[in-house]
All heavy atoms as atom14 arrays in JSON, in Angstrom:
{
  "sequence": "MVHDAAAISYLPELVDRSLLQQGNARIGGVFAVAGATGNHLGAAL",
  "atom14_mask": [
    [1, 1, 1, 1, 1, 1, 1, 1, 0, 0, 0, 0, 0, 0],
    [1, 1, 1, 1, 1, 1, 1, 0, 0, 0, 0, 0, 0, 0],
    [1, 1, 1, 1, 1, 1, 1, 1, 1, 1, 0, 0, 0, 0],
    [1, 1, 1, 1, 1, 1, 1, 1, 0, 0, 0, 0, 0, 0],
    [1, 1, 1, 1, 1, 0, 0, 0, 0, 0, 0, 0, 0, 0],
    [1, 1, 1, 1, 1, 0, 0, 0, 0, 0, 0, 0, 0, 0],
    [1, 1, 1, 1, 1, 0, 0, 0, 0, 0, 0, 0, 0, 0],
    [1, 1, 1, 1, 1, 1, 1, 1, 0, 0, 0, 0, 0, 0],
    [1, 1, 1, 1, 1, 1, 0, 0, 0, 0, 0, 0, 0, 0],
    [1, 1, 1, 1, 1, 1, 1, 1, 1, 1, 1, 1, 0, 0],
    [1, 1, 1, 1, 1, 1, 1, 1, 0, 0, 0, 0, 0, 0],
    [1, 1, 1, 1, 1, 1, 1, 0, 0, 0, 0, 0, 0, 0],
    [1, 1, 1, 1, 1, 1, 1, 1, 1, 0, 0, 0, 0, 0],
    [1, 1, 1, 1, 1, 1, 1, 1, 0, 0, 0, 0, 0, 0],
    [1, 1, 1, 1, 1, 1, 1, 0, 0, 0, 0, 0, 0, 0],
    [1, 1, 1, 1, 1, 1, 1, 1, 0, 0, 0, 0, 0, 0],
    [1, 1, 1, 1, 1, 1, 1, 1, 1, 1, 1, 0, 0, 0],
    [1, 1, 1, 1, 1, 1, 0, 0, 0, 0, 0, 0, 0, 0],
    [1, 1, 1, 1, 1, 1, 1, 1, 0, 0, 0, 0, 0, 0],
    [1, 1, 1, 1, 1, 1, 1, 1, 0, 0, 0, 0, 0, 0],
    [1, 1, 1, 1, 1, 1, 1, 1, 1, 0, 0, 0, 0, 0],
    [1, 1, 1, 1, 1, 1, 1, 1, 1, 0, 0, 0, 0, 0],
    [1, 1, 1, 1, 0, 0, 0, 0, 0, 0, 0, 0, 0, 0],
    [1, 1, 1, 1, 1, 1, 1, 1, 0, 0, 0, 0, 0, 0],
    [1, 1, 1, 1, 1, 0, 0, 0, 0, 0, 0, 0, 0, 0],
    [1, 1, 1, 1, 1, 1, 1, 1, 1, 1, 1, 0, 0, 0],
    [1, 1, 1, 1, 1, 1, 1, 1, 0, 0, 0, 0, 0, 0],
    [1, 1, 1, 1, 0, 0, 0, 0, 0, 0, 0, 0, 0, 0],
    [1, 1, 1, 1, 0, 0, 0, 0, 0, 0, 0, 0, 0, 0],
    [1, 1, 1, 1, 1, 1, 1, 0, 0, 0, 0, 0, 0, 0],
    [1, 1, 1, 1, 1, 1, 1, 1, 1, 1, 1, 0, 0, 0],
    [1, 1, 1, 1, 1, 0, 0, 0, 0, 0, 0, 0, 0, 0],
    [1, 1, 1, 1, 1, 1, 1, 0, 0, 0, 0, 0, 0, 0],
    [1, 1, 1, 1, 1, 0, 0, 0, 0, 0, 0, 0, 0, 0],
    [1, 1, 1, 1, 0, 0, 0, 0, 0, 0, 0, 0, 0, 0],
    [1, 1, 1, 1, 1, 0, 0, 0, 0, 0, 0, 0, 0, 0],
    [1, 1, 1, 1, 1, 1, 1, 0, 0, 0, 0, 0, 0, 0],
    [1, 1, 1, 1, 0, 0, 0, 0, 0, 0, 0, 0, 0, 0],
    [1, 1, 1, 1, 1, 1, 1, 1, 0, 0, 0, 0, 0, 0],
    [1, 1, 1, 1, 1, 1, 1, 1, 1, 1, 0, 0, 0, 0],
    [1, 1, 1, 1, 1, 1, 1, 1, 0, 0, 0, 0, 0, 0],
    [1, 1, 1, 1, 0, 0, 0, 0, 0, 0, 0, 0, 0, 0],
    [1, 1, 1, 1, 1, 0, 0, 0, 0, 0, 0, 0, 0, 0],
    [1, 1, 1, 1, 1, 0, 0, 0, 0, 0, 0, 0, 0, 0],
    [1, 1, 1, 1, 1, 1, 1, 1, 0, 0, 0, 0, 0, 0]
  ],
  "atom14_positions": [
    [[99.33, 101.51, 114.27], [99.89, 102.8, 114.6], [98.8, 103.75, 115.01], [97.66, 103.67, 114.59], [100.62, 103.4, 113.38], [101.75, 102.57, 112.83], [103.09, 102.64, 113.92], [104.29, 101.63, 113.09], [0.0, 0.0, 0.0], [0.0, 0.0, 0.0], [0.0, 0.0, 0.0], [0.0, 0.0, 0.0], [0.0, 0.0, 0.0], [0.0, 0.0, 0.0]],
    [[99.18, 104.7, 115.81], [98.24, 105.66, 116.33], [97.69, 106.58, 115.24], [96.54, 106.87, 115.2], [98.89, 106.55, 117.42], [97.94, 107.64, 117.91], [99.28, 105.65, 118.59], [0.0, 0.0, 0.0], [0.0, 0.0, 0.0], [0.0, 0.0, 0.0], [0.0, 0.0, 0.0], [0.0, 0.0, 0.0], [0.0, 0.0, 0.0], [0.0, 0.0, 0.0]],
    [[98.58, 107.02, 114.36], [98.14, 107.86, 113.23], [97.18, 107.18, 112.31], [96.26, 107.82, 111.73], [99.28, 108.51, 112.51], [100.13, 107.52, 111.77], [101.12, 106.72, 112.35], [100.13, 107.16, 110.46], [101.67, 106.0, 111.44], [101.1, 106.18, 110.3], [0.0, 0.0, 0.0], [0.0, 0.0, 0.0], [0.0, 0.0, 0.0], [0.0, 0.0, 0.0]],
    [[97.34, 105.88, 112.16], [96.38, 105.09, 111.28], [95.02, 105.15, 111.86], [94.01, 105.39, 111.16], [96.83, 103.62, 111.21], [98.17, 103.47, 110.47], [98.7, 104.49, 109.93], [98.66, 102.37, 110.47], [0.0, 0.0, 0.0], [0.0, 0.0, 0.0], [0.0, 0.0, 0.0], [0.0, 0.0, 0.0], [0.0, 0.0, 0.0], [0.0, 0.0, 0.0]],
    [[94.89, 104.9, 113.15], [93.59, 104.92, 113.84], [92.97, 106.32, 113.8], [91.79, 106.46, 113.59], [93.7, 104.44, 115.26], [0.0, 0.0, 0.0], [0.0, 0.0, 0.0], [0.0, 0.0, 0.0], [0.0, 0.0, 0.0], [0.0, 0.0, 0.0], [0.0, 0.0, 0.0], [0.0, 0.0, 0.0], [0.0, 0.0, 0.0], [0.0, 0.0, 0.0]],
    [[93.78, 107.32, 113.99], [93.3, 108.72, 113.93], [92.79, 109.09, 112.54], [91.75, 109.68, 112.43], [94.39, 109.68, 114.4], [0.0, 0.0, 0.0], [0.0, 0.0, 0.0], [0.0, 0.0, 0.0], [0.0, 0.0, 0.0], [0.0, 0.0, 0.0], [0.0, 0.0, 0.0], [0.0, 0.0, 0.0], [0.0, 0.0, 0.0], [0.0, 0.0, 0.0]],
    [[93.49, 108.69, 111.54], [93.07, 108.99, 110.16], [91.74, 108.32, 109.83], [90.84, 108.94, 109.27], [94.14, 108.57, 109.14], [0.0, 0.0, 0.0], [0.0, 0.0, 0.0], [0.0, 0.0, 0.0], [0.0, 0.0, 0.0], [0.0, 0.0, 0.0], [0.0, 0.0, 0.0], [0.0, 0.0, 0.0], [0.0, 0.0, 0.0], [0.0, 0.0, 0.0]],
    [[91.58, 107.08, 110.24], [90.38, 106.32, 109.93], [89.24, 106.89, 110.73], [88.12, 107.0, 110.26], [90.58, 104.84, 110.14], [91.56, 104.34, 109.03], [89.3, 104.06, 110.1], [92.02, 102.94, 109.27], [0.0, 0.0, 0.0], [0.0, 0.0, 0.0], [0.0, 0.0, 0.0], [0.0, 0.0, 0.0], [0.0, 0.0, 0.0], [0.0, 0.0, 0.0]],
    [[89.46, 107.2, 111.99], [88.36, 107.66, 112.87], [87.93, 109.06, 112.45], [86.76, 109.46, 112.71], [88.72, 107.61, 114.31], [89.8, 108.49, 114.61], [0.0, 0.0, 0.0], [0.0, 0.0, 0.0], [0.0, 0.0, 0.0], [0.0, 0.0, 0.0], [0.0, 0.0, 0.0], [0.0, 0.0, 0.0], [0.0, 0.0, 0.0], [0.0, 0.0, 0.0]],
    [[88.8, 109.9, 111.91], [88.45, 111.23, 111.54], [87.83, 111.29, 110.15], [87.19, 112.33, 109.76], [89.67, 112.11, 111.58], [89.38, 113.59, 111.59], [88.63, 114.2, 112.62], [89.83, 114.42, 110.54], [88.34, 115.53, 112.58], [89.54, 115.78, 110.47], [88.79, 116.35, 111.51], [88.49, 117.64, 111.5], [0.0, 0.0, 0.0], [0.0, 0.0, 0.0]],
    [[87.95, 110.29, 109.36], [87.44, 110.3, 107.98], [85.94, 110.6, 107.87], [85.58, 111.41, 106.99], [87.72, 108.94, 107.29], [87.41, 108.86, 105.8], [88.24, 109.78, 105.01], [87.54, 107.45, 105.34], [0.0, 0.0, 0.0], [0.0, 0.0, 0.0], [0.0, 0.0, 0.0], [0.0, 0.0, 0.0], [0.0, 0.0, 0.0], [0.0, 0.0, 0.0]],
    [[85.06, 110.13, 108.75], [83.6, 110.45, 108.59], [83.38, 111.96, 108.74], [82.37, 112.46, 108.23], [82.95, 109.7, 109.76], [83.92, 108.55, 110.0], [85.25, 109.09, 109.75], [0.0, 0.0, 0.0], [0.0, 0.0, 0.0], [0.0, 0.0, 0.0], [0.0, 0.0, 0.0], [0.0, 0.0, 0.0], [0.0, 0.0, 0.0], [0.0, 0.0, 0.0]],
    [[84.27, 112.71, 109.42], [84.12, 114.15, 109.49], [84.52, 114.89, 108.23], [84.09, 116.0, 107.94], [85.0, 114.7, 110.63], [84.69, 114.17, 112.01], [83.3, 114.52, 112.48], [82.9, 115.7, 112.19], [82.65, 113.7, 113.12], [0.0, 0.0, 0.0], [0.0, 0.0, 0.0], [0.0, 0.0, 0.0], [0.0, 0.0, 0.0], [0.0, 0.0, 0.0]],
    [[85.35, 114.17, 107.38], [85.86, 114.81, 106.15], [85.06, 114.51, 104.88], [85.06, 115.32, 104.0], [87.31, 114.35, 105.96], [88.28, 114.75, 107.1], [89.68, 114.14, 106.81], [88.41, 116.25, 107.14], [0.0, 0.0, 0.0], [0.0, 0.0, 0.0], [0.0, 0.0, 0.0], [0.0, 0.0, 0.0], [0.0, 0.0, 0.0], [0.0, 0.0, 0.0]],
    [[84.45, 113.33, 104.81], [83.79, 112.96, 103.55], [82.31, 112.7, 103.83], [81.88, 112.41, 104.98], [84.4, 111.75, 102.94], [85.89, 112.03, 102.58], [84.32, 110.47, 103.81], [0.0, 0.0, 0.0], [0.0, 0.0, 0.0], [0.0, 0.0, 0.0], [0.0, 0.0, 0.0], [0.0, 0.0, 0.0], [0.0, 0.0, 0.0], [0.0, 0.0, 0.0]],
    [[81.5, 112.73, 102.78], [80.08, 112.4, 102.87], [79.95, 110.93, 103.2], [80.82, 110.1, 102.84], [79.44, 112.79, 101.57], [77.97, 112.63, 101.6], [77.37, 113.16, 102.53], [77.36, 111.97, 100.7], [0.0, 0.0, 0.0], [0.0, 0.0, 0.0], [0.0, 0.0, 0.0], [0.0, 0.0, 0.0], [0.0, 0.0, 0.0], [0.0, 0.0, 0.0]],
    [[78.87, 110.56, 103.88], [78.64, 109.21, 104.28], [78.64, 108.26, 103.08], [79.08, 107.1, 103.21], [77.3, 109.09, 105.03], [77.02, 107.72, 105.64], [75.82, 107.74, 106.54], [75.47, 106.53, 107.13], [76.02, 106.08, 108.26], [76.93, 106.78, 108.86], [75.71, 104.86, 108.69], [0.0, 0.0, 0.0], [0.0, 0.0, 0.0], [0.0, 0.0, 0.0]],
    [[78.15, 108.69, 101.93], [78.12, 107.82, 100.76], [79.49, 107.47, 100.19], [79.68, 106.52, 99.46], [77.3, 108.44, 99.66], [77.83, 109.65, 99.23], [0.0, 0.0, 0.0], [0.0, 0.0, 0.0], [0.0, 0.0, 0.0], [0.0, 0.0, 0.0], [0.0, 0.0, 0.0], [0.0, 0.0, 0.0], [0.0, 0.0, 0.0], [0.0, 0.0, 0.0]],
    [[80.52, 108.29, 100.59], [81.87, 108.09, 100.1], [82.77, 107.44, 101.18], [83.98, 107.31, 100.94], [82.48, 109.43, 99.68], [81.75, 110.17, 98.56], [82.41, 111.53, 98.32], [81.83, 109.37, 97.26], [0.0, 0.0, 0.0], [0.0, 0.0, 0.0], [0.0, 0.0, 0.0], [0.0, 0.0, 0.0], [0.0, 0.0, 0.0], [0.0, 0.0, 0.0]],
    [[82.21, 107.03, 102.3], [83.03, 106.53, 103.38], [83.74, 105.25, 103.01], [84.95, 105.12, 103.34], [82.13, 106.31, 104.61], [82.82, 106.19, 105.97], [83.72, 107.35, 106.19], [81.72, 106.08, 107.03], [0.0, 0.0, 0.0], [0.0, 0.0, 0.0], [0.0, 0.0, 0.0], [0.0, 0.0, 0.0], [0.0, 0.0, 0.0], [0.0, 0.0, 0.0]],
    [[83.12, 104.34, 102.34], [83.78, 103.07, 102.0], [84.92, 103.35, 101.05], [86.02, 102.78, 101.19], [82.76, 102.12, 101.38], [83.38, 100.73, 100.96], [82.35, 99.78, 100.41], [81.19, 100.17, 100.22], [82.75, 98.6, 100.18], [0.0, 0.0, 0.0], [0.0, 0.0, 0.0], [0.0, 0.0, 0.0], [0.0, 0.0, 0.0], [0.0, 0.0, 0.0]],
    [[84.72, 104.19, 100.07], [85.76, 104.45, 99.11], [86.94, 105.21, 99.82], [88.11, 104.97, 99.51], [85.26, 105.38, 98.01], [86.21, 105.69, 96.89], [85.59, 106.55, 95.85], [84.49, 107.09, 95.95], [86.31, 106.72, 94.74], [0.0, 0.0, 0.0], [0.0, 0.0, 0.0], [0.0, 0.0, 0.0], [0.0, 0.0, 0.0], [0.0, 0.0, 0.0]],
    [[86.65, 106.12, 100.72], [87.67, 106.8, 101.47], [88.48, 105.83, 102.32], [89.74, 106.01, 102.37], [0.0, 0.0, 0.0], [0.0, 0.0, 0.0], [0.0, 0.0, 0.0], [0.0, 0.0, 0.0], [0.0, 0.0, 0.0], [0.0, 0.0, 0.0], [0.0, 0.0, 0.0], [0.0, 0.0, 0.0], [0.0, 0.0, 0.0], [0.0, 0.0, 0.0]],
    [[87.84, 104.9, 102.99], [88.57, 103.92, 103.79], [89.46, 103.07, 102.91], [90.61, 102.78, 103.31], [87.57, 103.0, 104.55], [87.07, 103.63, 105.8], [87.83, 104.39, 106.46], [85.86, 103.38, 106.14], [0.0, 0.0, 0.0], [0.0, 0.0, 0.0], [0.0, 0.0, 0.0], [0.0, 0.0, 0.0], [0.0, 0.0, 0.0], [0.0, 0.0, 0.0]],
    [[89.04, 102.72, 101.77], [89.82, 101.9, 100.79], [91.05, 102.73, 100.38], [92.15, 102.19, 100.31], [88.99, 101.52, 99.6], [0.0, 0.0, 0.0], [0.0, 0.0, 0.0], [0.0, 0.0, 0.0], [0.0, 0.0, 0.0], [0.0, 0.0, 0.0], [0.0, 0.0, 0.0], [0.0, 0.0, 0.0], [0.0, 0.0, 0.0], [0.0, 0.0, 0.0]],
    [[90.85, 103.94, 100.07], [92.0, 104.8, 99.67], [93.03, 105.01, 100.75], [94.2, 104.96, 100.56], [91.49, 106.14, 99.13], [90.81, 105.97, 97.8], [90.4, 107.34, 97.24], [89.79, 107.15, 95.91], [89.33, 108.14, 95.24], [89.33, 109.41, 95.66], [88.77, 107.91, 94.05], [0.0, 0.0, 0.0], [0.0, 0.0, 0.0], [0.0, 0.0, 0.0]],
    [[92.51, 105.23, 101.98], [93.46, 105.37, 103.12], [94.29, 104.11, 103.31], [95.49, 104.14, 103.48], [92.69, 105.76, 104.39], [92.27, 107.18, 104.33], [93.59, 105.49, 105.62], [91.47, 107.64, 105.52], [0.0, 0.0, 0.0], [0.0, 0.0, 0.0], [0.0, 0.0, 0.0], [0.0, 0.0, 0.0], [0.0, 0.0, 0.0], [0.0, 0.0, 0.0]],
    [[93.61, 102.95, 103.23], [94.35, 101.68, 103.35], [95.35, 101.48, 102.3], [96.47, 101.06, 102.56], [0.0, 0.0, 0.0], [0.0, 0.0, 0.0], [0.0, 0.0, 0.0], [0.0, 0.0, 0.0], [0.0, 0.0, 0.0], [0.0, 0.0, 0.0], [0.0, 0.0, 0.0], [0.0, 0.0, 0.0], [0.0, 0.0, 0.0], [0.0, 0.0, 0.0]],
    [[95.04, 101.86, 101.06], [96.0, 101.76, 99.96], [97.19, 102.69, 100.13], [98.35, 102.29, 99.89], [0.0, 0.0, 0.0], [0.0, 0.0, 0.0], [0.0, 0.0, 0.0], [0.0, 0.0, 0.0], [0.0, 0.0, 0.0], [0.0, 0.0, 0.0], [0.0, 0.0, 0.0], [0.0, 0.0, 0.0], [0.0, 0.0, 0.0], [0.0, 0.0, 0.0]],
    [[96.88, 103.91, 100.57], [97.97, 104.88, 100.81], [98.91, 104.36, 101.9], [100.18, 104.46, 101.8], [97.44, 106.28, 101.13], [98.5, 107.18, 101.68], [96.81, 106.88, 99.91], [0.0, 0.0, 0.0], [0.0, 0.0, 0.0], [0.0, 0.0, 0.0], [0.0, 0.0, 0.0], [0.0, 0.0, 0.0], [0.0, 0.0, 0.0], [0.0, 0.0, 0.0]],
    [[98.39, 103.81, 103.02], [99.24, 103.28, 104.07], [100.06, 102.14, 103.59], [101.26, 101.99, 103.93], [98.38, 102.87, 105.29], [97.78, 104.03, 106.08], [96.7, 103.78, 106.85], [98.35, 105.28, 106.02], [96.14, 104.8, 107.62], [97.78, 106.34, 106.73], [96.68, 106.07, 107.55], [0.0, 0.0, 0.0], [0.0, 0.0, 0.0], [0.0, 0.0, 0.0]],
    [[99.53, 101.25, 102.75], [100.27, 100.11, 102.23], [101.41, 100.57, 101.32], [102.47, 100.07, 101.49], [99.28, 99.2, 101.5], [0.0, 0.0, 0.0], [0.0, 0.0, 0.0], [0.0, 0.0, 0.0], [0.0, 0.0, 0.0], [0.0, 0.0, 0.0], [0.0, 0.0, 0.0], [0.0, 0.0, 0.0], [0.0, 0.0, 0.0], [0.0, 0.0, 0.0]],
    [[101.14, 101.48, 100.48], [102.15, 102.0, 99.55], [103.25, 102.73, 100.35], [104.48, 102.53, 100.11], [101.55, 102.89, 98.48], [102.64, 103.61, 97.71], [100.68, 102.08, 97.49], [0.0, 0.0, 0.0], [0.0, 0.0, 0.0], [0.0, 0.0, 0.0], [0.0, 0.0, 0.0], [0.0, 0.0, 0.0], [0.0, 0.0, 0.0], [0.0, 0.0, 0.0]],
    [[102.89, 103.5, 101.28], [103.82, 104.26, 102.07], [104.71, 103.35, 102.87], [105.93, 103.49, 102.99], [103.12, 105.25, 102.98], [0.0, 0.0, 0.0], [0.0, 0.0, 0.0], [0.0, 0.0, 0.0], [0.0, 0.0, 0.0], [0.0, 0.0, 0.0], [0.0, 0.0, 0.0], [0.0, 0.0, 0.0], [0.0, 0.0, 0.0], [0.0, 0.0, 0.0]],
    [[104.11, 102.29, 103.44], [104.89, 101.33, 104.22], [105.91, 100.58, 103.39], [107.08, 100.41, 103.71], [0.0, 0.0, 0.0], [0.0, 0.0, 0.0], [0.0, 0.0, 0.0], [0.0, 0.0, 0.0], [0.0, 0.0, 0.0], [0.0, 0.0, 0.0], [0.0, 0.0, 0.0], [0.0, 0.0, 0.0], [0.0, 0.0, 0.0], [0.0, 0.0, 0.0]],
    [[105.47, 100.11, 102.21], [106.4, 99.35, 101.31], [107.47, 100.29, 100.74], [108.65, 99.92, 100.7], [105.6, 98.7, 100.24], [0.0, 0.0, 0.0], [0.0, 0.0, 0.0], [0.0, 0.0, 0.0], [0.0, 0.0, 0.0], [0.0, 0.0, 0.0], [0.0, 0.0, 0.0], [0.0, 0.0, 0.0], [0.0, 0.0, 0.0], [0.0, 0.0, 0.0]],
    [[107.08, 101.44, 100.31], [108.02, 102.4, 99.69], [109.01, 102.89, 100.7], [110.23, 102.99, 100.43], [107.27, 103.59, 99.08], [106.29, 103.09, 98.14], [108.17, 104.54, 98.34], [0.0, 0.0, 0.0], [0.0, 0.0, 0.0], [0.0, 0.0, 0.0], [0.0, 0.0, 0.0], [0.0, 0.0, 0.0], [0.0, 0.0, 0.0], [0.0, 0.0, 0.0]],
    [[108.59, 103.15, 101.93], [109.49, 103.64, 102.96], [110.51, 102.63, 103.28], [111.72, 102.94, 103.46], [0.0, 0.0, 0.0], [0.0, 0.0, 0.0], [0.0, 0.0, 0.0], [0.0, 0.0, 0.0], [0.0, 0.0, 0.0], [0.0, 0.0, 0.0], [0.0, 0.0, 0.0], [0.0, 0.0, 0.0], [0.0, 0.0, 0.0], [0.0, 0.0, 0.0]],
    [[110.17, 101.4, 103.38], [111.15, 100.32, 103.66], [112.19, 100.21, 102.58], [113.38, 100.08, 102.84], [110.44, 98.99, 103.88], [109.66, 98.95, 105.15], [109.88, 99.69, 106.05], [108.65, 98.06, 105.17], [0.0, 0.0, 0.0], [0.0, 0.0, 0.0], [0.0, 0.0, 0.0], [0.0, 0.0, 0.0], [0.0, 0.0, 0.0], [0.0, 0.0, 0.0]],
    [[111.76, 100.21, 101.33], [112.72, 100.06, 100.19], [113.62, 101.29, 100.05], [114.77, 101.17, 99.78], [111.9, 99.82, 98.89], [111.24, 98.46, 98.88], [111.97, 97.28, 98.98], [109.94, 98.12, 98.82], [111.1, 96.31, 98.91], [109.86, 96.76, 98.82], [0.0, 0.0, 0.0], [0.0, 0.0, 0.0], [0.0, 0.0, 0.0], [0.0, 0.0, 0.0]],
    [[113.01, 102.51, 100.27], [113.84, 103.7, 100.12], [114.86, 103.76, 101.29], [116.0, 104.2, 101.06], [112.98, 104.94, 100.15], [112.17, 105.21, 98.85], [111.32, 106.43, 99.0], [113.1, 105.36, 97.64], [0.0, 0.0, 0.0], [0.0, 0.0, 0.0], [0.0, 0.0, 0.0], [0.0, 0.0, 0.0], [0.0, 0.0, 0.0], [0.0, 0.0, 0.0]],
    [[114.45, 103.34, 102.47], [115.39, 103.28, 103.55], [116.57, 102.28, 103.28], [117.75, 102.63, 103.62], [0.0, 0.0, 0.0], [0.0, 0.0, 0.0], [0.0, 0.0, 0.0], [0.0, 0.0, 0.0], [0.0, 0.0, 0.0], [0.0, 0.0, 0.0], [0.0, 0.0, 0.0], [0.0, 0.0, 0.0], [0.0, 0.0, 0.0], [0.0, 0.0, 0.0]],
    [[116.24, 101.15, 102.76], [117.32, 100.17, 102.4], [118.23, 100.75, 101.3], [119.45, 100.57, 101.4], [116.66, 98.85, 101.93], [0.0, 0.0, 0.0], [0.0, 0.0, 0.0], [0.0, 0.0, 0.0], [0.0, 0.0, 0.0], [0.0, 0.0, 0.0], [0.0, 0.0, 0.0], [0.0, 0.0, 0.0], [0.0, 0.0, 0.0], [0.0, 0.0, 0.0]],
    [[117.65, 101.38, 100.33], [118.48, 101.99, 99.25], [119.38, 103.1, 99.79], [120.59, 103.15, 99.42], [117.56, 102.56, 98.17], [0.0, 0.0, 0.0], [0.0, 0.0, 0.0], [0.0, 0.0, 0.0], [0.0, 0.0, 0.0], [0.0, 0.0, 0.0], [0.0, 0.0, 0.0], [0.0, 0.0, 0.0], [0.0, 0.0, 0.0], [0.0, 0.0, 0.0]],
    [[118.9, 103.92, 100.71], [119.71, 104.97, 101.28], [120.82, 104.35, 102.09], [121.96, 104.88, 102.04], [118.79, 105.86, 102.13], [119.48, 107.03, 102.82], [120.03, 108.0, 101.78], [118.5, 107.75, 103.71], [0.0, 0.0, 0.0], [0.0, 0.0, 0.0], [0.0, 0.0, 0.0], [0.0, 0.0, 0.0], [0.0, 0.0, 0.0], [0.0, 0.0, 0.0]]
  ]
}
């Protein structure tokens, strides 16, 4: 998705270089949870 690429490419502007790996991991986790939760909530609705 376009917003995924934008979030990851903009991350170095938001966090210190030493926190970049942790930030990338958190973004990936948030995208995974949002994708799974969105599908299940849509089916329930």
